[in-house]
């Protein structure tokens, strides 16, 4: 069980590191994401099934990778515009502006 405890703690820390890097300088997102991560881990604290533990660990690793490689924080520049500066970890990712997603959702089905 000690091995699993280390794996869980490692996954928890990886998620926190991913959010700290992705949302650096955005205190609202940092505190909100940390609270959500904590909540999810607390909800699953009593899971004992090996299959369920493995699934949850896989989900945590996937979430950490998704946060690190897919989410890019836009920053307000001196001209009053928001700019996005993706890093090398975002290479090959497709950029979608939130307004484009909203527009697509408004289209008739």
PDB file of N, CA and C in Angstrom:
ATOM      1  N   UNK A   1       0.815  -1.190   0.000  1.00  0.00           N
ATOM      2  CA  UNK A   1       0.000   0.000   0.000  1.00  0.00           C
ATOM      3  C   UNK A   1       0.865   1.263   0.000  1.00  0.00           C
ATOM      4  N   UNK A   2       2.062   1.193   0.570  1.00  0.00           N
ATOM      5  CA  UNK A   2       2.944   2.353   0.610  1.00  0.00           C
ATOM      6  C   UNK A   2       3.350   2.795  -0.791  1.00  0.00           C
ATOM      7  N   UNK A   3       3.495   1.826  -1.692  1.00  0.00           N
ATOM      8  CA  UNK A   3       3.842   2.144  -3.073  1.00  0.00           C
ATOM      9  C   UNK A   3       2.718   2.942  -3.706  1.00  0.00           C
ATOM     10  N   UNK A   4       1.471   2.522  -3.503  1.00  0.00           N
ATOM     11  CA  UNK A   4       0.314   3.238  -4.047  1.00  0.00           C
ATOM     12  C   UNK A   4       0.216   4.644  -3.445  1.00  0.00           C
ATOM     13  N   UNK A   5       0.492   4.773  -2.163  1.00  0.00           N
ATOM     14  CA  UNK A   5       0.445   6.084  -1.517  1.00  0.00           C
ATOM     15  C   UNK A   5       1.434   7.032  -2.174  1.00  0.00           C
ATOM     16  N   UNK A   6       2.609   6.532  -2.481  1.00  0.00           N
ATOM     17  CA  UNK A   6       3.607   7.364  -3.162  1.00  0.00           C
ATOM     18  C   UNK A   6       3.154   7.744  -4.568  1.00  0.00           C
ATOM     19  N   UNK A   7       2.526   6.794  -5.257  1.00  0.00           N
ATOM     20  CA  UNK A   7       2.019   7.075  -6.605  1.00  0.00           C
ATOM     21  C   UNK A   7       0.923   8.145  -6.567  1.00  0.00           C
ATOM     22  N   UNK A   8       0.039   8.034  -5.596  1.00  0.00           N
ATOM     23  CA  UNK A   8      -1.049   9.007  -5.459  1.00  0.00           C
ATOM     24  C   UNK A   8      -0.477  10.381  -5.137  1.00  0.00           C
ATOM     25  N   UNK A   9       0.449  10.438  -4.205  1.00  0.00           N
ATOM     26  CA  UNK A   9       1.066  11.714  -3.848  1.00  0.00           C
ATOM     27  C   UNK A   9       1.822  12.313  -5.040  1.00  0.00           C
ATOM     28  N   UNK A  10       2.481  11.476  -5.798  1.00  0.00           N
ATOM     29  CA  UNK A  10       3.203  11.934  -6.986  1.00  0.00           C
ATOM     30  C   UNK A  10       2.237  12.508  -8.025  1.00  0.00           C
ATOM     31  N   UNK A  11       1.118  11.835  -8.239  1.00  0.00           N
ATOM     32  CA  UNK A  11       0.116  12.313  -9.202  1.00  0.00           C
ATOM     33  C   UNK A  11      -0.485  13.629  -8.728  1.00  0.00           C
ATOM     34  N   UNK A  12      -0.741  13.742  -7.440  1.00  0.00           N
ATOM     35  CA  UNK A  12      -1.288  14.968  -6.847  1.00  0.00           C
ATOM     36  C   UNK A  12      -0.316  16.132  -7.048  1.00  0.00           C
ATOM     37  N   UNK A  13       0.930  15.891  -6.734  1.00  0.00           N
ATOM     38  CA  UNK A  13       1.949  16.942  -6.895  1.00  0.00           C
ATOM     39  C   UNK A  13       2.148  17.327  -8.358  1.00  0.00           C
ATOM     40  N   UNK A  14       2.101  16.354  -9.250  1.00  0.00           N
ATOM     41  CA  UNK A  14       2.253  16.645 -10.682  1.00  0.00           C
ATOM     42  C   UNK A  14       1.123  17.545 -11.171  1.00  0.00           C
ATOM     43  N   UNK A  15      -0.093  17.290 -10.711  1.00  0.00           N
ATOM     44  CA  UNK A  15      -1.215  18.149 -11.085  1.00  0.00           C
ATOM     45  C   UNK A  15      -1.020  19.569 -10.557  1.00  0.00           C
ATOM     46  N   UNK A  16      -0.591  19.694  -9.316  1.00  0.00           N
ATOM     47  CA  UNK A  16      -0.357  21.029  -8.747  1.00  0.00           C
ATOM     48  C   UNK A  16       0.758  21.758  -9.498  1.00  0.00           C
ATOM     49  N   UNK A  17       1.837  21.033  -9.839  1.00  0.00           N
ATOM     50  CA  UNK A  17       2.934  21.654 -10.606  1.00  0.00           C
ATOM     51  C   UNK A  17       2.444  22.124 -11.968  1.00  0.00           C
ATOM     52  N   UNK A  18       1.644  21.296 -12.625  1.00  0.00           N
ATOM     53  CA  UNK A  18       1.120  21.660 -13.950  1.00  0.00           C
ATOM     54  C   UNK A  18       0.277  22.925 -13.870  1.00  0.00           C
ATOM     55  N   UNK A  19      -0.571  23.021 -12.857  1.00  0.00           N
ATOM     56  CA  UNK A  19      -1.410  24.219 -12.744  1.00  0.00           C
ATOM     57  C   UNK A  19      -0.585  25.440 -12.341  1.00  0.00           C
ATOM     58  N   UNK A  20       0.400  25.252 -11.480  1.00  0.00           N
ATOM     59  CA  UNK A  20       1.253  26.396 -11.085  1.00  0.00           C
ATOM     60  C   UNK A  20       1.995  26.957 -12.280  1.00  0.00           C
ATOM     61  N   UNK A  21       2.464  26.087 -13.153  1.00  0.00           N
ATOM     62  CA  UNK A  21       3.183  26.549 -14.343  1.00  0.00           C
ATOM     63  C   UNK A  21       2.225  27.187 -15.350  1.00  0.00           C
ATOM     64  N   UNK A  22       1.113  26.525 -15.605  1.00  0.00           N
ATOM     65  CA  UNK A  22       0.169  27.001 -16.610  1.00  0.00           C
ATOM     66  C   UNK A  22      -0.507  28.304 -16.191  1.00  0.00           C
ATOM     67  N   UNK A  23      -0.857  28.425 -14.923  1.00  0.00           N
ATOM     68  CA  UNK A  23      -1.603  29.589 -14.458  1.00  0.00           C
ATOM     69  C   UNK A  23      -0.747  30.555 -13.639  1.00  0.00           C
ATOM     70  N   UNK A  24       0.554  30.544 -13.865  1.00  0.00           N
ATOM     71  CA  UNK A  24       1.459  31.433 -13.128  1.00  0.00           C
ATOM     72  C   UNK A  24       0.976  32.879 -13.242  1.00  0.00           C
ATOM     73  N   UNK A  25       0.871  33.541 -12.104  1.00  0.00           N
ATOM     74  CA  UNK A  25       0.457  34.934 -12.085  1.00  0.00           C
ATOM     75  C   UNK A  25      -1.047  35.145 -12.039  1.00  0.00           C
ATOM     76  N   UNK A  26      -1.830  34.087 -12.133  1.00  0.00           N
ATOM     77  CA  UNK A  26      -3.290  34.191 -12.107  1.00  0.00           C
ATOM     78  C   UNK A  26      -3.782  33.558 -10.807  1.00  0.00           C
ATOM     79  N   UNK A  27      -3.880  34.388  -9.765  1.00  0.00           N
ATOM     80  CA  UNK A  27      -4.201  33.864  -8.435  1.00  0.00           C
ATOM     81  C   UNK A  27      -5.579  33.212  -8.376  1.00  0.00           C
ATOM     82  N   UNK A  28      -6.528  33.705  -9.153  1.00  0.00           N
ATOM     83  CA  UNK A  28      -7.873  33.113  -9.153  1.00  0.00           C
ATOM     84  C   UNK A  28      -7.816  31.680  -9.684  1.00  0.00           C
ATOM     85  N   UNK A  29      -7.155  31.483 -10.823  1.00  0.00           N
ATOM     86  CA  UNK A  29      -7.052  30.141 -11.400  1.00  0.00           C
ATOM     87  C   UNK A  29      -6.185  29.226 -10.537  1.00  0.00           C
ATOM     88  N   UNK A  30      -5.138  29.768  -9.959  1.00  0.00           N
ATOM     89  CA  UNK A  30      -4.269  28.948  -9.110  1.00  0.00           C
ATOM     90  C   UNK A  30      -5.022  28.419  -7.896  1.00  0.00           C
ATOM     91  N   UNK A  31      -5.718  29.300  -7.203  1.00  0.00           N
ATOM     92  CA  UNK A  31      -6.435  28.846  -6.006  1.00  0.00           C
ATOM     93  C   UNK A  31      -7.618  27.959  -6.379  1.00  0.00           C
ATOM     94  N   UNK A  32      -8.319  28.291  -7.449  1.00  0.00           N
ATOM     95  CA  UNK A  32      -9.454  27.474  -7.875  1.00  0.00           C
ATOM     96  C   UNK A  32      -9.045  26.089  -8.318  1.00  0.00           C
ATOM     97  N   UNK A  33      -7.971  26.017  -9.098  1.00  0.00           N
ATOM     98  CA  UNK A  33      -7.523  24.706  -9.572  1.00  0.00           C
ATOM     99  C   UNK A  33      -6.979  23.864  -8.422  1.00  0.00           C
ATOM    100  N   UNK A  34      -6.253  24.478  -7.497  1.00  0.00           N
ATOM    101  CA  UNK A  34      -5.733  23.735  -6.340  1.00  0.00           C
ATOM    102  C   UNK A  34      -6.884  23.193  -5.494  1.00  0.00           C
ATOM    103  N   UNK A  35      -7.917  24.006  -5.302  1.00  0.00           N
ATOM    104  CA  UNK A  35      -9.073  23.558  -4.516  1.00  0.00           C
ATOM    105  C   UNK A  35      -9.800  22.408  -5.217  1.00  0.00           C
ATOM    106  N   UNK A  36      -9.938  22.492  -6.532  1.00  0.00           N
ATOM    107  CA  UNK A  36     -10.625  21.435  -7.288  1.00  0.00           C
ATOM    108  C   UNK A  36      -9.822  20.126  -7.259  1.00  0.00           C
ATOM    109  N   UNK A  37      -8.507  20.239  -7.401  1.00  0.00           N
ATOM    110  CA  UNK A  37      -7.652  19.047  -7.344  1.00  0.00           C
ATOM    111  C   UNK A  37      -7.779  18.387  -5.973  1.00  0.00           C
ATOM    112  N   UNK A  38      -7.685  19.193  -4.941  1.00  0.00           N
ATOM    113  CA  UNK A  38      -7.801  18.679  -3.568  1.00  0.00           C
ATOM    114  C   UNK A  38      -9.148  17.982  -3.363  1.00  0.00           C
ATOM    115  N   UNK A  39     -10.219  18.637  -3.838  1.00  0.00           N
ATOM    116  CA  UNK A  39     -11.574  18.082  -3.701  1.00  0.00           C
ATOM    117  C   UNK A  39     -11.678  16.719  -4.365  1.00  0.00           C
ATOM    118  N   UNK A  40     -11.167  16.593  -5.580  1.00  0.00           N
ATOM    119  CA  UNK A  40     -11.253  15.319  -6.307  1.00  0.00           C
ATOM    120  C   UNK A  40     -10.471  14.217  -5.596  1.00  0.00           C
ATOM    121  N   UNK A  41      -9.294  14.549  -5.088  1.00  0.00           N
ATOM    122  CA  UNK A  41      -8.506  13.537  -4.379  1.00  0.00           C
ATOM    123  C   UNK A  41      -9.189  13.145  -3.072  1.00  0.00           C
ATOM    124  N   UNK A  42      -9.774  14.121  -2.369  1.00  0.00           N
ATOM    125  CA  UNK A  42     -10.492  13.821  -1.126  1.00  0.00           C
ATOM    126  C   UNK A  42     -11.704  12.943  -1.384  1.00  0.00           C
ATOM    127  N   UNK A  43     -12.435  13.200  -2.487  1.00  0.00           N
ATOM    128  CA  UNK A  43     -13.608  12.396  -2.835  1.00  0.00           C
ATOM    129  C   UNK A  43     -13.241  10.930  -3.041  1.00  0.00           C
ATOM    130  N   UNK A  44     -12.026  10.674  -3.468  1.00  0.00           N
ATOM    131  CA  UNK A  44     -11.598   9.310  -3.785  1.00  0.00           C
ATOM    132  C   UNK A  44     -10.626   8.733  -2.763  1.00  0.00           C
ATOM    133  N   UNK A  45     -10.523   9.362  -1.619  1.00  0.00           N
ATOM    134  CA  UNK A  45      -9.583   8.947  -0.570  1.00  0.00           C
ATOM    135  C   UNK A  45      -9.787   7.492  -0.137  1.00  0.00           C
ATOM    136  N   UNK A  46     -11.017   7.033  -0.136  1.00  0.00           N
ATOM    137  CA  UNK A  46     -11.315   5.696   0.407  1.00  0.00           C
ATOM    138  C   UNK A  46     -11.436   4.616  -0.663  1.00  0.00           C
ATOM    139  N   UNK A  47     -11.032   4.919  -1.877  1.00  0.00           N
ATOM    140  CA  UNK A  47     -11.058   3.914  -2.944  1.00  0.00           C
ATOM    141  C   UNK A  47      -9.980   2.870  -2.652  1.00  0.00           C
ATOM    142  N   UNK A  48     -10.361   1.618  -2.689  1.00  0.00           N
ATOM    143  CA  UNK A  48      -9.401   0.548  -2.401  1.00  0.00           C
ATOM    144  C   UNK A  48      -9.250  -0.434  -3.557  1.00  0.00           C
ATOM    145  N   UNK A  49     -10.192  -0.451  -4.447  1.00  0.00           N
ATOM    146  CA  UNK A  49     -10.130  -1.369  -5.582  1.00  0.00           C
ATOM    147  C   UNK A  49      -8.915  -1.037  -6.447  1.00  0.00           C
ATOM    148  N   UNK A  50      -8.129  -2.055  -6.715  1.00  0.00           N
ATOM    149  CA  UNK A  50      -6.913  -1.869  -7.514  1.00  0.00           C
ATOM    150  C   UNK A  50      -7.245  -1.295  -8.899  1.00  0.00           C
ATOM    151  N   UNK A  51      -8.297  -1.793  -9.513  1.00  0.00           N
ATOM    152  CA  UNK A  51      -8.697  -1.312 -10.843  1.00  0.00           C
ATOM    153  C   UNK A  51      -9.124   0.154 -10.783  1.00  0.00           C
ATOM    154  N   UNK A  52      -9.893   0.503  -9.754  1.00  0.00           N
ATOM    155  CA  UNK A  52     -10.330   1.897  -9.607  1.00  0.00           C
ATOM    156  C   UNK A  52      -9.153   2.816  -9.308  1.00  0.00           C
ATOM    157  N   UNK A  53      -8.245   2.361  -8.471  1.00  0.00           N
ATOM    158  CA  UNK A  53      -7.051   3.168  -8.172  1.00  0.00           C
ATOM    159  C   UNK A  53      -6.234   3.415  -9.431  1.00  0.00           C
ATOM    160  N   UNK A  54      -6.054   2.382 -10.222  1.00  0.00           N
ATOM    161  CA  UNK A  54      -5.278   2.526 -11.456  1.00  0.00           C
ATOM    162  C   UNK A  54      -5.964   3.498 -12.412  1.00  0.00           C
ATOM    163  N   UNK A  55      -7.279   3.385 -12.543  1.00  0.00           N
ATOM    164  CA  UNK A  55      -8.041   4.286 -13.415  1.00  0.00           C
ATOM    165  C   UNK A  55      -7.909   5.735 -12.946  1.00  0.00           C
ATOM    166  N   UNK A  56      -8.023   5.957 -11.648  1.00  0.00           N
ATOM    167  CA  UNK A  56      -7.908   7.318 -11.101  1.00  0.00           C
ATOM    168  C   UNK A  56      -6.503   7.886 -11.293  1.00  0.00           C
ATOM    169  N   UNK A  57      -5.485   7.048 -11.099  1.00  0.00           N
ATOM    170  CA  UNK A  57      -4.113   7.494 -11.319  1.00  0.00           C
ATOM    171  C   UNK A  57      -3.875   7.836 -12.786  1.00  0.00           C
ATOM    172  N   UNK A  58      -4.405   7.017 -13.684  1.00  0.00           N
ATOM    173  CA  UNK A  58      -4.289   7.298 -15.114  1.00  0.00           C
ATOM    174  C   UNK A  58      -4.982   8.605 -15.470  1.00  0.00           C
ATOM    175  N   UNK A  59      -6.163   8.835 -14.899  1.00  0.00           N
ATOM    176  CA  UNK A  59      -6.891  10.083 -15.147  1.00  0.00           C
ATOM    177  C   UNK A  59      -6.103  11.286 -14.639  1.00  0.00           C
ATOM    178  N   UNK A  60      -5.484  11.146 -13.471  1.00  0.00           N
ATOM    179  CA  UNK A  60      -4.696  12.244 -12.908  1.00  0.00           C
ATOM    180  C   UNK A  60      -3.489  12.546 -13.800  1.00  0.00           C
ATOM    181  N   UNK A  61      -2.820  11.509 -14.285  1.00  0.00           N
ATOM    182  CA  UNK A  61      -1.676  11.710 -15.184  1.00  0.00           C
ATOM    183  C   UNK A  61      -2.112  12.352 -16.493  1.00  0.00           C
ATOM    184  N   UNK A  62      -3.241  11.892 -17.034  1.00  0.00           N
ATOM    185  CA  UNK A  62      -3.773  12.480 -18.268  1.00  0.00           C
ATOM    186  C   UNK A  62      -4.128  13.950 -18.060  1.00  0.00           C
ATOM    187  N   UNK A  63      -4.735  14.254 -16.929  1.00  0.00           N
ATOM    188  CA  UNK A  63      -5.114  15.642 -16.634  1.00  0.00           C
ATOM    189  C   UNK A  63      -3.884  16.525 -16.507  1.00  0.00           C
ATOM    190  N   UNK A  64      -2.858  16.020 -15.860  1.00  0.00           N
ATOM    191  CA  UNK A  64      -1.618  16.774 -15.710  1.00  0.00           C
ATOM    192  C   UNK A  64      -0.990  17.069 -17.069  1.00  0.00           C
ATOM    193  N   UNK A  65      -0.961  16.059 -17.928  1.00  0.00           N
ATOM    194  CA  UNK A  65      -0.407  16.245 -19.268  1.00  0.00           C
ATOM    195  C   UNK A  65      -1.267  17.213 -20.081  1.00  0.00           C
ATOM    196  N   UNK A  66      -2.582  17.084 -19.972  1.00  0.00           N
ATOM    197  CA  UNK A  66      -3.492  17.971 -20.696  1.00  0.00           C
ATOM    198  C   UNK A  66      -3.281  19.423 -20.271  1.00  0.00           C
ATOM    199  N   UNK A  67      -3.214  19.655 -18.978  1.00  0.00           N
ATOM    200  CA  UNK A  67      -3.009  21.016 -18.465  1.00  0.00           C
ATOM    201  C   UNK A  67      -1.683  21.570 -18.959  1.00  0.00           C
ATOM    202  N   UNK A  68      -0.649  20.752 -18.937  1.00  0.00           N
ATOM    203  CA  UNK A  68       0.694  21.205 -19.328  1.00  0.00           C
ATOM    204  C   UNK A  68       0.847  21.456 -20.816  1.00  0.00           C
ATOM    205  N   UNK A  69       0.156  20.675 -21.637  1.00  0.00           N
ATOM    206  CA  UNK A  69       0.408  20.749 -23.080  1.00  0.00           C
ATOM    207  C   UNK A  69      -0.705  21.395 -23.888  1.00  0.00           C
ATOM    208  N   UNK A  70      -1.875  21.568 -23.306  1.00  0.00           N
ATOM    209  CA  UNK A  70      -3.011  22.057 -24.080  1.00  0.00           C
ATOM    210  C   UNK A  70      -3.470  23.449 -23.665  1.00  0.00           C
ATOM    211  N   UNK A  71      -3.409  23.755 -22.402  1.00  0.00           N
ATOM    212  CA  UNK A  71      -3.904  25.043 -21.917  1.00  0.00           C
ATOM    213  C   UNK A  71      -2.784  26.078 -21.968  1.00  0.00           C
ATOM    214  N   UNK A  72      -3.107  27.236 -22.540  1.00  0.00           N
ATOM    215  CA  UNK A  72      -2.163  28.355 -22.588  1.00  0.00           C
ATOM    216  C   UNK A  72      -2.864  29.567 -22.003  1.00  0.00           C
ATOM    217  N   UNK A  73      -2.239  30.205 -21.050  1.00  0.00           N
ATOM    218  CA  UNK A  73      -2.821  31.366 -20.386  1.00  0.00           C
ATOM    219  C   UNK A  73      -2.554  32.618 -21.219  1.00  0.00           C
ATOM    220  N   UNK A  74      -3.609  33.327 -21.607  1.00  0.00           N
ATOM    221  CA  UNK A  74      -3.455  34.598 -22.320  1.00  0.00           C
ATOM    222  C   UNK A  74      -3.126  35.689 -21.308  1.00  0.00           C
ATOM    223  N   UNK A  75      -2.268  36.622 -21.708  1.00  0.00           N
ATOM    224  CA  UNK A  75      -1.872  37.712 -20.810  1.00  0.00           C
ATOM    225  C   UNK A  75      -2.175  39.042 -21.474  1.00  0.00           C
ATOM    226  N   UNK A  76      -2.609  40.000 -20.667  1.00  0.00           N
ATOM    227  CA  UNK A  76      -2.900  41.341 -21.144  1.00  0.00           C
ATOM    228  C   UNK A  76      -1.584  42.067 -21.412  1.00  0.00           C
ATOM    229  N   UNK A  77      -1.438  42.629 -22.627  1.00  0.00           N
ATOM    230  CA  UNK A  77      -0.209  43.349 -22.950  1.00  0.00           C
ATOM    231  C   UNK A  77      -0.405  44.847 -22.764  1.00  0.00           C
ATOM    232  N   UNK A  78       0.635  45.623 -23.019  1.00  0.00           N
ATOM    233  CA  UNK A  78       0.602  47.076 -22.800  1.00  0.00           C
ATOM    234  C   UNK A  78      -0.365  47.797 -23.740  1.00  0.00           C
ATOM    235  N   UNK A  79      -0.741  47.172 -24.842  1.00  0.00           N
ATOM    236  CA  UNK A  79      -1.686  47.779 -25.794  1.00  0.00           C
ATOM    237  C   UNK A  79      -3.135  47.506 -25.404  1.00  0.00           C
ATOM    238  N   UNK A  80      -3.351  46.724 -24.366  1.00  0.00           N
ATOM    239  CA  UNK A  80      -4.703  46.394 -23.939  1.00  0.00           C
ATOM    240  C   UNK A  80      -5.269  45.168 -24.624  1.00  0.00           C
ATOM    241  N   UNK A  81      -4.430  44.462 -25.357  1.00  0.00           N
ATOM    242  CA  UNK A  81      -4.839  43.230 -26.032  1.00  0.00           C
ATOM    243  C   UNK A  81      -4.326  42.035 -25.240  1.00  0.00           C
ATOM    244  N   UNK A  82      -4.963  40.904 -25.461  1.00  0.00           N
ATOM    245  CA  UNK A  82      -4.479  39.668 -24.866  1.00  0.00           C
ATOM    246  C   UNK A  82      -3.618  38.948 -25.879  1.00  0.00           C
ATOM    247  N   UNK A  83      -2.497  38.427 -25.410  1.00  0.00           N
ATOM    248  CA  UNK A  83      -1.643  37.663 -26.302  1.00  0.00           C
ATOM    249  C   UNK A  83      -1.303  36.320 -25.670  1.00  0.00           C
ATOM    250  N   UNK A  84      -1.113  35.367 -26.546  1.00  0.00           N
ATOM    251  CA  UNK A  84      -0.815  34.002 -26.129  1.00  0.00           C
ATOM    252  C   UNK A  84       0.582  33.673 -26.615  1.00  0.00           C
ATOM    253  N   UNK A  85       1.392  33.153 -25.718  1.00  0.00           N
ATOM    254  CA  UNK A  85       2.751  32.751 -26.068  1.00  0.00           C
ATOM    255  C   UNK A  85       2.934  31.288 -25.700  1.00  0.00           C
ATOM    256  N   UNK A  86       2.567  30.409 -26.631  1.00  0.00           N
ATOM    257  CA  UNK A  86       2.733  28.983 -26.333  1.00  0.00           C
ATOM    258  C   UNK A  86       4.213  28.613 -26.227  1.00  0.00           C
ATOM    259  N   UNK A  87       4.505  27.681 -25.352  1.00  0.00           N
ATOM    260  CA  UNK A  87       5.866  27.200 -25.181  1.00  0.00           C
ATOM    261  C   UNK A  87       6.122  25.982 -26.040  1.00  0.00           C
ATOM    262  N   UNK A  88       7.335  25.462 -25.954  1.00  0.00           N
ATOM    263  CA  UNK A  88       7.696  24.292 -26.768  1.00  0.00           C
ATOM    264  C   UNK A  88       6.856  23.070 -26.403  1.00  0.00           C
ATOM    265  N   UNK A  89       6.336  23.029 -25.172  1.00  0.00           N
ATOM    266  CA  UNK A  89       5.488  21.906 -24.767  1.00  0.00           C
ATOM    267  C   UNK A  89       4.139  21.905 -25.494  1.00  0.00           C
ATOM    268  N   UNK A  90       3.803  23.035 -26.135  1.00  0.00           N
ATOM    269  CA  UNK A  90       2.544  23.142 -26.870  1.00  0.00           C
ATOM    270  C   UNK A  90       2.713  22.879 -28.368  1.00  0.00           C
ATOM    271  N   UNK A  91       3.894  22.508 -28.798  1.00  0.00           N
ATOM    272  CA  UNK A  91       4.155  22.284 -30.222  1.00  0.00           C
ATOM    273  C   UNK A  91       3.187  21.258 -30.790  1.00  0.00           C
ATOM    274  N   UNK A  92       2.574  21.612 -31.910  1.00  0.00           N
ATOM    275  CA  UNK A  92       1.640  20.717 -32.574  1.00  0.00           C
ATOM    276  C   UNK A  92       0.215  20.836 -32.095  1.00  0.00           C
ATOM    277  N   UNK A  93      -0.024  21.621 -31.052  1.00  0.00           N
ATOM    278  CA  UNK A  93      -1.386  21.788 -30.539  1.00  0.00           C
ATOM    279  C   UNK A  93      -2.165  22.735 -31.446  1.00  0.00           C
ATOM    280  N   UNK A  94      -3.457  22.589 -31.453  1.00  0.00           N
ATOM    281  CA  UNK A  94      -4.333  23.450 -32.232  1.00  0.00           C
ATOM    282  C   UNK A  94      -4.901  24.524 -31.326  1.00  0.00           C
ATOM    283  N   UNK A  95      -4.823  25.771 -31.765  1.00  0.00           N
ATOM    284  CA  UNK A  95      -5.320  26.885 -30.972  1.00  0.00           C
ATOM    285  C   UNK A  95      -6.793  27.118 -31.275  1.00  0.00           C
ATOM    286  N   UNK A  96      -7.599  27.148 -30.230  1.00  0.00           N
ATOM    287  CA  UNK A  96      -9.006  27.491 -30.386  1.00  0.00           C
ATOM    288  C   UNK A  96      -9.319  28.616 -29.426  1.00  0.00           C
ATOM    289  N   UNK A  97      -9.831  29.688 -29.959  1.00  0.00           N
ATOM    290  CA  UNK A  97     -10.223  30.838 -29.149  1.00  0.00           C
ATOM    291  C   UNK A  97     -11.591  30.536 -28.547  1.00  0.00           C
ATOM    292  N   UNK A  98     -11.825  30.860 -27.274  1.00  0.00           N
ATOM    293  CA  UNK A  98     -13.110  30.545 -26.651  1.00  0.00           C
ATOM    294  C   UNK A  98     -14.315  31.073 -27.434  1.00  0.00           C
ATOM    295  N   UNK A  99     -14.187  32.246 -28.062  1.00  0.00           N
ATOM    296  CA  UNK A  99     -15.331  32.779 -28.815  1.00  0.00           C
ATOM    297  C   UNK A  99     -15.644  31.905 -30.025  1.00  0.00           C
ATOM    298  N   UNK A 100     -14.635  31.250 -30.601  1.00  0.00           N
ATOM    299  CA  UNK A 100     -14.871  30.334 -31.723  1.00  0.00           C
ATOM    300  C   UNK A 100     -15.671  29.124 -31.260  1.00  0.00           C
ATOM    301  N   UNK A 101     -15.373  28.642 -30.085  1.00  0.00           N
ATOM    302  CA  UNK A 101     -16.087  27.496 -29.536  1.00  0.00           C
ATOM    303  C   UNK A 101     -17.534  27.880 -29.266  1.00  0.00           C
ATOM    304  N   UNK A 102     -17.745  29.057 -28.676  1.00  0.00           N
ATOM    305  CA  UNK A 102     -19.100  29.519 -28.396  1.00  0.00           C
ATOM    306  C   UNK A 102     -19.895  29.683 -29.684  1.00  0.00           C
ATOM    307  N   UNK A 103     -19.256  30.245 -30.703  1.00  0.00           N
ATOM    308  CA  UNK A 103     -19.923  30.443 -31.981  1.00  0.00           C
ATOM    309  C   UNK A 103     -20.345  29.101 -32.576  1.00  0.00           C
ATOM    310  N   UNK A 104     -19.472  28.114 -32.497  1.00  0.00           N
ATOM    311  CA  UNK A 104     -19.795  26.793 -33.025  1.00  0.00           C
ATOM    312  C   UNK A 104     -20.984  26.183 -32.291  1.00  0.00           C
ATOM    313  N   UNK A 105     -21.047  26.422 -30.987  1.00  0.00           N
ATOM    314  CA  UNK A 105     -22.150  25.863 -30.183  1.00  0.00           C
ATOM    315  C   UNK A 105     -23.471  26.559 -30.497  1.00  0.00           C
ATOM    316  N   UNK A 106     -23.424  27.779 -31.048  1.00  0.00           N
ATOM    317  CA  UNK A 106     -24.634  28.515 -31.387  1.00  0.00           C
ATOM    318  C   UNK A 106     -25.195  28.116 -32.745  1.00  0.00           C
ATOM    319  N   UNK A 107     -24.418  27.391 -33.532  1.00  0.00           N
ATOM    320  CA  UNK A 107     -24.869  26.994 -34.857  1.00  0.00           C
ATOM    321  C   UNK A 107     -26.011  25.990 -34.740  1.00  0.00           C
ATOM    322  N   UNK A 108     -26.978  26.098 -35.690  1.00  0.00           N
ATOM    323  CA  UNK A 108     -28.087  25.120 -35.662  1.00  0.00           C
ATOM    324  C   UNK A 108     -27.564  23.713 -35.883  1.00  0.00           C
ATOM    325  N   UNK A 109     -28.150  22.780 -35.243  1.00  0.00           N
ATOM    326  CA  UNK A 109     -27.700  21.387 -35.328  1.00  0.00           C
ATOM    327  C   UNK A 109     -28.447  20.645 -36.404  1.00  0.00           C
TER     328      UNK A 109
END
